[in-house]
Amino acid sequence: MMRFILLFFVFISAFNINAQLFTPIKIDEAVEGKYPPSEPSIVISRKNQSNIVAAAILDKVYVSLDSGKTWEFRTVESSYGVFGDPMLISDKKGDIYFFHLSDPEGEENDNENKLDRMVVQKSSDGGLSWDNGSYVGLNPPTDQDKQTPIYSKKNNEIYLSWTQFDKYGSKNPEDESNIMFSSSSNGGKKWSQPIKINKLPGDCLDGDGTAMGGYPAINKLGHIFVVYALDEKIYMDRSFDKGKMWLRNDLEIEKQPGGWNFEIPALGRANGLPTLKIDQSNSSLSGSIYLLWSDQSNGENDTDIFLKKSTRTGDIWSSKIRVNQDTTQTHQFFPAMTVDEANGMLYVVYYDRRNHNDEQTDVYFAYSFDGGNNFKELKLNSTSFKTKENKFFGDYIAIDAYKGVIAPVWTQMDESGKTSIWTTVILAKDLLTK
C-alpha cells in the first residue's frame, strides 16, 4: 500500500509540475470530407510575442493573439494552389510568411502542374488575412519539394532552399534531384534566379539516394549555411556573400547509418532529415551552429535523436550527443529544433515511444541552456496515442522560440486514425526553476 501511495504521489507531483509549466491545447482535428491536418509549422511574431501563428496541411492556418490561450481558424487560398509542406517565418516588422507547395489545378492528385513551384503568401495582420502570394522555382517539367525558408535580420532578406526533382518518382538513372537556393530582398514579392548548390546529385525516388533536406540557417554576420542528406551522409554548403558563391565541394559533416529514409512501426513513412540552427543572440554561445537529426545507428528498433555543434563556421564539429535521455531501445523520431535568438537557449521537440512496448506514442520536449552539452526533458501530451500505417501522419512537427516564449506544435491520432493538431506555450523562466 505504501508503494502504491508513493507512486501515486510521484505521478501527481509530476503532473502538477507540468501543469504549472504548460497546458496542451487542441487547435484542430480532422473533419469528414476534408483533408486531415498534419505536418504543422509554427512561428512567434518578431514584433508581438502574443501573436503566434500555426499552419497545417493542406491549407489550414491557426492564429492566436493572446499568447496561445485561444486560436482562430483560417483557410488560405492562392491561384497557385495550396498543397502542403507548410512552413512559417516572421520578419522583424511582424509580417508572417507562409511557404507551401503548389497545385495550380486544385485537383490534389497527379497532374503535370502539381509541385511545379514553391509558393509564399504574406500576412501583415498577424495571420488573419493573406495575399494571393508569389512563387519561386517554376522550371517545367521539374518538380519542387520540401522547402525551408529563413529570414535575415541583418540583410532584411528571405532565403529559401528546397529539392528539385527532374521528375518526382522517376526510376530513370539520368533523372536527378538537387538542392536549390533562392533569395528575396523585397518581402517575397520577387525572387532571385534559383541556383543548384549541391555538388553530388541524387536520384528521384524520394529515398536515401535522393538529395533531400535543403535546410538553411544564417548567423549574425549574414553568412548562410545549408545542410542536406544523401546516401547515408549529411552534407553542408555555405555562402558568405548572401548566396551568390558557394563552396566548391560540400562538406561531409556526419554519417547517417541507414540513411535519412527508414522504417518505424505503424508509420507509412519516416525520415531523419537534418535541421540546422545558429545562435544569433548576444550570449556567450553566439555563433554556435547546431545540427540535429535522427537515425538508426543503434539498430532498426532503436531510432534516436542526435545533435552536434560547430563554433568555427562548420569546419570543425563536436562529437555527436544523444538528445533523448531514455535508456530504452525504442523509437524517438521527427525532431524539430529552434534556438531563441534573444538568449541562445536551445529547444527540441519530438515523438517518443520510451514509455510503451507497442506503437503508443508521446511527445517530448528537450531543452538545453549550455549549448547542447546537457538536456532536460518534459512530456508534452496528456494522453498517449497510436499511429496507423495506413493513415497519413505527416513527416514532421515544429517549434519556435523568441524572447523566452517557446511554442511547439505537433500531430496526434485517435483510435480511428483521425488526426488532430496540438500546441502549447512554455516560458523559459519557468524552466530555469526546474
Protein backbone atom coordinates (compact mmCIF):
# COMPACT_ATOMS: atom_id res chain seq x y z
CA MET A 1 0.00 0.00 0.00
CA MET A 2 2.77 2.43 0.86
CA ARG A 3 4.43 1.74 -2.50
CA PHE A 4 1.17 2.48 -4.31
CA ILE A 5 0.69 5.72 -2.40
CA LEU A 6 4.26 6.78 -3.13
CA LEU A 7 3.91 6.06 -6.87
CA PHE A 8 0.59 7.90 -6.92
CA PHE A 9 2.20 10.87 -5.20
CA VAL A 10 5.09 10.92 -7.68
CA PHE A 11 2.67 10.78 -10.61
CA ILE A 12 0.51 13.58 -9.24
CA SER A 13 3.57 15.69 -8.41
CA ALA A 14 4.98 15.27 -11.91
CA PHE A 15 1.58 16.12 -13.39
CA ASN A 16 1.33 19.24 -11.25
CA ILE A 17 4.82 20.38 -12.25
CA ASN A 18 3.93 20.07 -15.93
CA ALA A 19 0.54 21.66 -15.38
CA GLN A 20 2.27 24.71 -13.95
CA LEU A 21 4.58 24.93 -16.95
CA PHE A 22 2.13 24.44 -19.82
CA THR A 23 -1.30 23.25 -20.91
CA PRO A 24 -1.62 21.22 -24.14
CA ILE A 25 -4.31 22.73 -26.38
CA LYS A 26 -6.00 21.03 -29.33
CA ILE A 27 -6.37 23.65 -32.06
CA ASP A 28 -7.76 21.48 -34.87
CA GLU A 29 -8.96 17.98 -35.72
CA ALA A 30 -9.89 16.12 -38.88
CA VAL A 31 -13.35 16.73 -40.32
CA GLU A 32 -15.14 14.26 -42.56
CA GLY A 33 -14.72 15.16 -46.21
CA LYS A 34 -11.79 17.49 -45.60
CA TYR A 35 -8.08 16.77 -45.93
CA PRO A 36 -6.93 15.73 -42.43
CA PRO A 37 -4.46 18.11 -40.76
CA SER A 38 -0.84 17.15 -40.07
CA GLU A 39 2.73 18.39 -40.67
CA PRO A 40 2.25 21.54 -38.59
CA SER A 41 4.50 24.59 -38.58
CA ILE A 42 4.53 27.46 -36.05
CA VAL A 43 6.02 30.93 -35.63
CA ILE A 44 6.01 33.64 -32.96
CA SER A 45 5.72 37.17 -34.34
CA ARG A 46 9.01 39.03 -34.02
CA LYS A 47 7.04 42.21 -33.33
CA ASN A 48 4.38 40.94 -30.92
CA GLN A 49 5.07 37.85 -28.81
CA SER A 50 1.37 37.45 -28.06
CA ASN A 51 0.79 36.79 -31.78
CA ILE A 52 1.50 33.14 -32.60
CA VAL A 53 0.61 31.57 -35.95
CA ALA A 54 0.48 27.87 -36.82
CA ALA A 55 -0.30 26.06 -40.05
CA ALA A 56 -1.05 22.51 -41.21
CA ILE A 57 -1.68 20.71 -44.48
CA LEU A 58 -3.13 21.41 -46.80
CA ASP A 59 -4.37 25.00 -46.38
CA LYS A 60 -5.03 25.49 -42.68
CA VAL A 61 -3.83 28.44 -40.56
CA TYR A 62 -4.40 29.00 -36.83
CA VAL A 63 -3.94 32.40 -35.22
CA SER A 64 -3.54 33.32 -31.56
CA LEU A 65 -3.43 36.93 -30.38
CA ASP A 66 -3.28 36.08 -26.67
CA SER A 67 -0.07 34.06 -26.30
CA GLY A 68 -1.61 30.75 -27.32
CA LYS A 69 -4.61 30.72 -24.97
CA THR A 70 -7.22 30.89 -27.75
CA TRP A 71 -6.98 30.27 -31.50
CA GLU A 72 -8.82 31.40 -34.63
CA PHE A 73 -9.03 29.20 -37.73
CA ARG A 74 -8.35 30.41 -41.28
CA THR A 75 -8.25 28.71 -44.68
CA VAL A 76 -5.65 30.04 -47.10
CA GLU A 77 -6.25 30.26 -50.82
CA SER A 78 -3.95 31.07 -53.75
CA SER A 79 -4.29 30.99 -57.51
CA TYR A 80 -1.12 28.90 -57.49
CA GLY A 81 -2.74 26.28 -55.26
CA VAL A 82 -2.00 25.33 -51.64
CA PHE A 83 -0.59 21.84 -51.42
CA GLY A 84 1.17 21.03 -48.19
CA ASP A 85 4.61 21.25 -46.59
CA PRO A 86 3.61 24.42 -44.70
CA MET A 87 6.50 26.48 -43.30
CA LEU A 88 6.11 29.78 -41.43
CA ILE A 89 8.56 32.60 -40.67
CA SER A 90 8.27 36.16 -39.32
CA ASP A 91 10.26 39.23 -40.28
CA LYS A 92 11.25 41.97 -37.83
CA LYS A 93 8.14 44.01 -38.67
CA GLY A 94 5.93 41.12 -37.64
CA ASP A 95 4.82 40.20 -41.15
CA ILE A 96 4.22 36.43 -41.39
CA TYR A 97 5.19 34.38 -44.44
CA PHE A 98 3.51 31.07 -45.30
CA PHE A 99 5.52 28.86 -47.67
CA HIS A 100 3.94 25.78 -49.24
CA LEU A 101 3.85 23.52 -52.28
CA SER A 102 1.79 24.29 -55.37
CA ASP A 103 -1.28 22.78 -57.01
CA PRO A 104 -2.47 25.29 -59.64
CA GLU A 105 -5.17 22.92 -60.93
CA GLY A 106 -6.55 22.41 -57.42
CA GLU A 107 -7.08 18.72 -58.06
CA GLU A 108 -4.99 17.25 -55.20
CA ASN A 109 -3.96 14.36 -57.46
CA ASP A 110 -1.45 13.57 -60.17
CA ASN A 111 -1.24 16.24 -62.83
CA GLU A 112 1.56 17.92 -64.73
CA ASN A 113 1.45 21.20 -62.83
CA LYS A 114 1.34 19.94 -59.25
CA LEU A 115 4.62 20.67 -57.41
CA ASP A 116 5.70 22.98 -60.24
CA ARG A 117 6.89 25.79 -57.89
CA MET A 118 7.30 26.99 -54.31
CA VAL A 119 4.59 29.43 -53.21
CA VAL A 120 4.85 32.12 -50.49
CA GLN A 121 1.90 34.08 -49.12
CA LYS A 122 2.21 37.06 -46.80
CA SER A 123 0.11 38.32 -43.90
CA SER A 124 0.54 41.82 -42.46
CA ASP A 125 -2.15 41.44 -39.80
CA GLY A 126 -0.75 38.60 -37.74
CA GLY A 127 -2.09 35.76 -39.87
CA LEU A 128 -5.73 36.83 -40.03
CA SER A 129 -5.63 37.51 -43.78
CA TRP A 130 -3.26 36.56 -46.59
CA ASP A 131 -2.36 37.83 -50.04
CA ASN A 132 -2.53 35.65 -53.15
CA GLY A 133 1.21 35.11 -52.93
CA SER A 134 4.19 34.93 -55.21
CA TYR A 135 6.32 31.99 -56.28
CA VAL A 136 9.82 30.77 -56.97
CA GLY A 137 11.32 27.75 -58.72
CA LEU A 138 8.98 27.43 -61.70
CA ASN A 139 11.06 25.31 -64.06
CA PRO A 140 8.86 22.89 -66.05
CA PRO A 141 8.80 19.96 -66.26
CA THR A 142 10.77 19.62 -62.99
CA ASP A 143 9.07 19.14 -59.60
CA GLN A 144 9.82 21.26 -56.50
CA ASP A 145 9.51 19.81 -52.99
CA LYS A 146 10.31 20.20 -49.26
CA GLN A 147 11.18 23.87 -48.93
CA THR A 148 12.58 25.62 -45.85
CA PRO A 149 12.80 29.43 -45.51
CA ILE A 150 14.82 31.65 -43.17
CA TYR A 151 14.80 35.39 -42.54
CA SER A 152 17.93 37.53 -42.22
CA LYS A 153 17.62 40.42 -39.76
CA LYS A 154 20.96 41.79 -40.92
CA ASN A 155 20.04 41.95 -44.60
CA ASN A 156 16.24 42.09 -44.28
CA GLU A 157 16.09 39.29 -46.83
CA ILE A 158 14.42 35.89 -47.09
CA TYR A 159 16.38 32.82 -48.17
CA LEU A 160 14.84 29.58 -49.37
CA SER A 161 16.26 26.11 -50.00
CA TRP A 162 14.47 23.04 -51.37
CA THR A 163 14.80 19.89 -53.52
CA GLN A 164 14.24 19.97 -57.26
CA PHE A 165 13.36 16.66 -58.95
CA ASP A 166 13.87 16.27 -62.67
CA LYS A 167 10.80 14.06 -62.37
CA TYR A 168 9.45 13.04 -58.98
CA GLY A 169 9.47 9.25 -58.56
CA SER A 170 11.37 8.61 -61.77
CA LYS A 171 13.43 5.40 -61.97
CA ASN A 172 15.44 6.77 -64.87
CA PRO A 173 19.09 6.93 -63.66
CA GLU A 174 19.61 10.08 -65.72
CA ASP A 175 16.98 11.98 -63.74
CA GLU A 176 18.44 13.88 -60.77
CA SER A 177 17.45 15.50 -57.50
CA ASN A 178 19.32 18.64 -56.45
CA ILE A 179 19.33 21.19 -53.64
CA MET A 180 18.22 24.62 -54.81
CA PHE A 181 18.58 28.12 -53.35
CA SER A 182 16.92 31.48 -53.98
CA SER A 183 16.55 34.80 -52.14
CA SER A 184 14.15 37.72 -51.94
CA SER A 185 15.03 41.29 -50.90
CA ASN A 186 11.51 42.74 -51.11
CA GLY A 187 9.41 40.68 -48.74
CA GLY A 188 8.91 37.68 -51.01
CA LYS A 189 7.44 39.56 -53.96
CA LYS A 190 10.29 38.69 -56.31
CA TRP A 191 12.98 36.02 -56.10
CA SER A 192 16.45 35.58 -57.48
CA GLN A 193 17.04 33.00 -60.19
CA PRO A 194 17.30 29.66 -58.34
CA ILE A 195 20.72 28.04 -58.36
CA LYS A 196 21.83 24.49 -57.64
CA ILE A 197 24.17 24.45 -54.66
CA ASN A 198 24.90 20.75 -54.06
CA LYS A 199 27.80 19.13 -55.89
CA LEU A 200 26.58 15.50 -55.67
CA PRO A 201 23.16 14.93 -57.28
CA GLY A 202 20.76 12.27 -56.07
CA ASP A 203 18.10 10.13 -57.73
CA CYS A 204 14.39 10.92 -57.95
CA LEU A 205 12.98 8.03 -55.92
CA ASP A 206 12.40 10.05 -52.71
CA GLY A 207 14.58 7.67 -50.71
CA ASP A 208 18.05 7.78 -49.22
CA GLY A 209 19.58 8.04 -52.68
CA THR A 210 17.72 11.33 -53.15
CA ALA A 211 19.36 14.65 -52.22
CA MET A 212 16.85 15.85 -49.65
CA GLY A 213 16.53 18.29 -46.78
CA GLY A 214 17.80 21.64 -48.02
CA TYR A 215 17.66 23.25 -44.57
CA PRO A 216 19.21 26.76 -44.35
CA ALA A 217 20.44 28.78 -41.35
CA ILE A 218 22.06 32.20 -41.00
CA ASN A 219 24.43 33.77 -38.49
CA LYS A 220 24.65 37.35 -37.21
CA LEU A 221 27.14 38.25 -39.95
CA GLY A 222 24.71 37.23 -42.65
CA HIS A 223 26.59 34.07 -43.60
CA ILE A 224 24.27 31.37 -44.98
CA PHE A 225 24.61 27.64 -44.29
CA VAL A 226 22.57 24.82 -45.85
CA VAL A 227 22.52 21.13 -44.88
CA TYR A 228 21.01 18.19 -46.71
CA ALA A 229 21.10 14.39 -46.59
CA LEU A 230 22.19 11.92 -49.26
CA ASP A 231 23.42 8.31 -49.31
CA GLU A 232 23.84 7.87 -45.52
CA LYS A 233 25.67 11.19 -45.11
CA ILE A 234 24.78 14.72 -44.08
CA TYR A 235 26.42 17.48 -46.11
CA MET A 236 26.78 21.21 -45.57
CA ASP A 237 27.31 24.06 -48.02
CA ARG A 238 27.81 27.73 -47.14
CA SER A 239 27.93 31.20 -48.65
CA PHE A 240 29.45 34.38 -47.23
CA ASP A 241 28.03 36.72 -49.92
CA LYS A 242 24.25 36.32 -49.49
CA GLY A 243 24.03 33.20 -51.61
CA LYS A 244 25.94 34.15 -54.73
CA MET A 245 29.01 31.96 -54.23
CA TRP A 246 29.08 28.57 -52.51
CA LEU A 247 31.74 26.05 -51.58
CA ARG A 248 33.47 24.26 -54.42
CA ASN A 249 32.95 20.98 -52.59
CA ASP A 250 30.26 20.34 -49.99
CA LEU A 251 31.45 19.40 -46.51
CA GLU A 252 30.52 15.95 -45.25
CA ILE A 253 29.78 16.67 -41.61
CA GLU A 254 28.13 13.48 -40.35
CA LYS A 255 27.49 9.85 -41.19
CA GLN A 256 23.87 8.75 -41.06
CA PRO A 257 23.84 4.93 -40.83
CA GLY A 258 20.75 3.55 -42.50
CA GLY A 259 20.17 6.86 -44.27
CA TRP A 260 17.57 9.58 -43.83
CA ASN A 261 14.76 7.32 -45.04
CA PHE A 262 13.98 4.47 -42.62
CA GLU A 263 11.10 2.45 -41.19
CA ILE A 264 9.25 2.96 -37.91
CA PRO A 265 6.38 0.63 -36.95
CA ALA A 266 2.87 1.94 -37.67
CA LEU A 267 4.11 4.79 -39.84
CA GLY A 268 3.64 4.77 -43.59
CA ARG A 269 6.99 6.52 -43.94
CA ALA A 270 9.60 8.12 -41.71
CA ASN A 271 12.68 10.28 -42.10
CA GLY A 272 15.60 11.66 -40.12
CA LEU A 273 16.28 14.71 -42.28
CA PRO A 274 18.73 17.21 -40.74
CA THR A 275 17.83 20.53 -39.14
CA LEU A 276 20.30 23.40 -38.81
CA LYS A 277 20.11 26.37 -36.42
CA ILE A 278 22.60 29.11 -35.49
CA ASP A 279 22.69 31.09 -32.25
CA GLN A 280 22.20 34.79 -33.14
CA SER A 281 21.99 36.01 -29.55
CA ASN A 282 24.48 38.16 -27.68
CA SER A 283 25.17 35.35 -25.23
CA SER A 284 28.50 33.57 -24.78
CA LEU A 285 27.17 30.88 -27.15
CA SER A 286 26.60 33.31 -30.01
CA GLY A 287 27.62 31.92 -33.39
CA SER A 288 27.24 28.26 -32.37
CA ILE A 289 25.94 26.11 -35.23
CA TYR A 290 23.68 23.21 -34.22
CA LEU A 291 22.96 20.19 -36.39
CA LEU A 292 20.05 17.94 -35.38
CA TRP A 293 18.95 14.68 -36.99
CA SER A 294 17.68 11.19 -36.20
CA ASP A 295 18.89 7.80 -37.40
CA GLN A 296 19.01 4.10 -36.59
CA SER A 297 22.72 3.81 -35.91
CA ASN A 298 21.80 1.94 -32.71
CA GLY A 299 19.65 -0.57 -34.57
CA GLU A 300 16.44 -0.74 -36.59
CA ASN A 301 14.41 -1.00 -33.37
CA ASP A 302 16.10 1.98 -31.72
CA THR A 303 15.72 5.28 -33.55
CA ASP A 304 17.48 8.10 -31.68
CA ILE A 305 17.93 11.85 -31.99
CA PHE A 306 21.41 13.33 -32.20
CA LEU A 307 23.00 16.77 -32.01
CA LYS A 308 26.43 18.09 -32.80
CA LYS A 309 27.83 21.61 -32.73
CA SER A 310 30.37 23.77 -34.53
CA THR A 311 31.77 27.08 -33.33
CA ARG A 312 34.02 27.62 -36.36
CA THR A 313 31.71 28.17 -39.34
CA GLY A 314 31.25 24.46 -39.84
CA ASP A 315 34.85 23.40 -40.42
CA ILE A 316 35.23 21.66 -37.05
CA TRP A 317 32.42 19.86 -35.25
CA SER A 318 31.97 18.33 -31.81
CA SER A 319 31.21 14.66 -31.35
CA LYS A 320 27.52 13.85 -31.57
CA ILE A 321 25.46 13.53 -28.41
CA ARG A 322 22.09 11.84 -27.99
CA VAL A 323 19.28 14.28 -27.18
CA ASN A 324 16.72 11.78 -25.88
CA GLN A 325 17.73 10.79 -22.37
CA ASP A 326 15.94 7.43 -22.11
CA THR A 327 17.71 4.12 -21.60
CA THR A 328 15.25 2.10 -23.71
CA GLN A 329 15.56 0.59 -27.16
CA THR A 330 12.57 2.37 -28.63
CA HIS A 331 11.85 4.98 -31.29
CA GLN A 332 12.33 8.73 -30.97
CA PHE A 333 11.61 10.43 -34.27
CA PHE A 334 10.67 13.53 -36.32
CA PRO A 335 12.69 16.01 -34.21
CA ALA A 336 12.39 19.76 -34.67
CA MET A 337 14.74 22.37 -33.17
CA THR A 338 14.90 26.08 -32.51
CA VAL A 339 17.33 28.49 -30.83
CA ASP A 340 15.96 31.59 -29.11
CA GLU A 341 17.75 34.42 -30.90
CA ALA A 342 17.35 36.62 -27.81
CA ASN A 343 19.18 34.40 -25.30
CA GLY A 344 20.72 31.40 -27.09
CA MET A 345 18.59 28.75 -25.35
CA LEU A 346 18.16 25.54 -27.35
CA TYR A 347 14.89 23.61 -27.65
CA VAL A 348 13.92 20.33 -29.35
CA VAL A 349 10.53 18.62 -29.75
CA TYR A 350 9.97 15.06 -30.98
CA TYR A 351 7.78 11.97 -30.87
CA ASP A 352 8.81 9.31 -28.35
CA ARG A 353 7.84 5.69 -27.54
CA ARG A 354 10.05 5.14 -24.50
CA ASN A 355 7.10 4.59 -22.17
CA HIS A 356 5.50 1.79 -24.19
CA ASN A 357 6.12 -1.67 -25.61
CA ASP A 358 3.97 -1.07 -28.70
CA GLU A 359 3.19 1.77 -31.11
CA GLN A 360 1.81 4.09 -28.46
CA THR A 361 3.49 7.46 -28.81
CA ASP A 362 4.15 10.54 -26.71
CA VAL A 363 5.55 13.99 -27.47
CA TYR A 364 8.69 15.09 -25.64
CA PHE A 365 10.33 18.48 -25.25
CA ALA A 366 14.07 18.74 -24.55
CA TYR A 367 15.88 21.92 -23.57
CA SER A 368 19.48 22.95 -23.04
CA PHE A 369 20.85 26.14 -21.50
CA ASP A 370 24.53 25.24 -22.05
CA GLY A 371 24.83 24.97 -25.80
CA GLY A 372 23.57 21.42 -26.15
CA ASN A 373 26.04 19.83 -23.73
CA ASN A 374 23.23 18.74 -21.41
CA PHE A 375 19.49 18.30 -21.94
CA LYS A 376 16.47 18.03 -19.68
CA GLU A 377 13.16 16.64 -20.92
CA LEU A 378 9.43 17.04 -20.36
CA LYS A 379 6.49 15.11 -21.80
CA LEU A 380 4.05 17.46 -23.52
CA ASN A 381 0.98 15.37 -24.30
CA SER A 382 -1.52 14.33 -21.66
CA THR A 383 -2.80 11.22 -23.48
CA SER A 384 -0.65 8.75 -25.40
CA PHE A 385 -1.76 7.85 -28.93
CA LYS A 386 -1.09 5.28 -31.63
CA THR A 387 -0.21 5.98 -35.25
CA LYS A 388 -1.54 3.80 -38.07
CA GLU A 389 0.49 2.73 -41.09
CA ASN A 390 -2.47 3.16 -43.46
CA LYS A 391 -3.29 6.67 -42.18
CA PHE A 392 -1.06 9.59 -43.12
CA PHE A 393 0.54 11.06 -40.00
CA GLY A 394 2.84 13.58 -41.66
CA ASP A 395 6.60 13.88 -41.98
CA TYR A 396 7.50 16.48 -39.34
CA ILE A 397 6.47 18.72 -36.45
CA ALA A 398 7.77 22.17 -35.42
CA ILE A 399 8.84 24.52 -32.64
CA ASP A 400 9.67 28.22 -32.35
CA ALA A 401 11.02 30.37 -29.52
CA TYR A 402 11.50 34.10 -29.07
CA LYS A 403 12.43 36.17 -26.02
CA GLY A 404 11.72 33.35 -23.60
CA VAL A 405 8.41 32.25 -25.14
CA ILE A 406 8.51 28.70 -26.53
CA ALA A 407 5.81 27.27 -28.82
CA PRO A 408 5.93 23.64 -30.02
CA VAL A 409 3.24 22.17 -32.29
CA TRP A 410 2.54 18.52 -33.09
CA THR A 411 0.08 15.97 -34.52
CA GLN A 412 -1.84 13.29 -32.61
CA MET A 413 -4.02 10.46 -33.91
CA ASP A 414 -7.04 8.79 -32.32
CA GLU A 415 -8.08 5.13 -32.50
CA SER A 416 -9.97 5.66 -35.74
CA GLY A 417 -6.94 7.26 -37.40
CA LYS A 418 -8.28 10.80 -37.19
CA THR A 419 -5.52 13.38 -36.77
CA SER A 420 -5.54 16.47 -34.59
CA ILE A 421 -3.14 19.40 -34.13
CA TRP A 422 -1.90 20.36 -30.67
CA THR A 423 0.24 23.13 -29.28
CA THR A 424 1.20 24.80 -26.03
CA VAL A 425 3.24 27.73 -24.76
CA ILE A 426 6.14 27.29 -22.35
CA LEU A 427 8.04 30.11 -20.66
CA ALA A 428 11.82 29.82 -20.32
CA LYS A 429 11.71 31.45 -16.88
CA ASP A 430 9.68 28.51 -15.62
CA LEU A 431 12.21 26.02 -16.99
CA LEU A 432 15.03 27.82 -15.19
CA THR A 433 13.41 26.98 -11.84
CA LYS A 434 13.07 23.24 -12.58
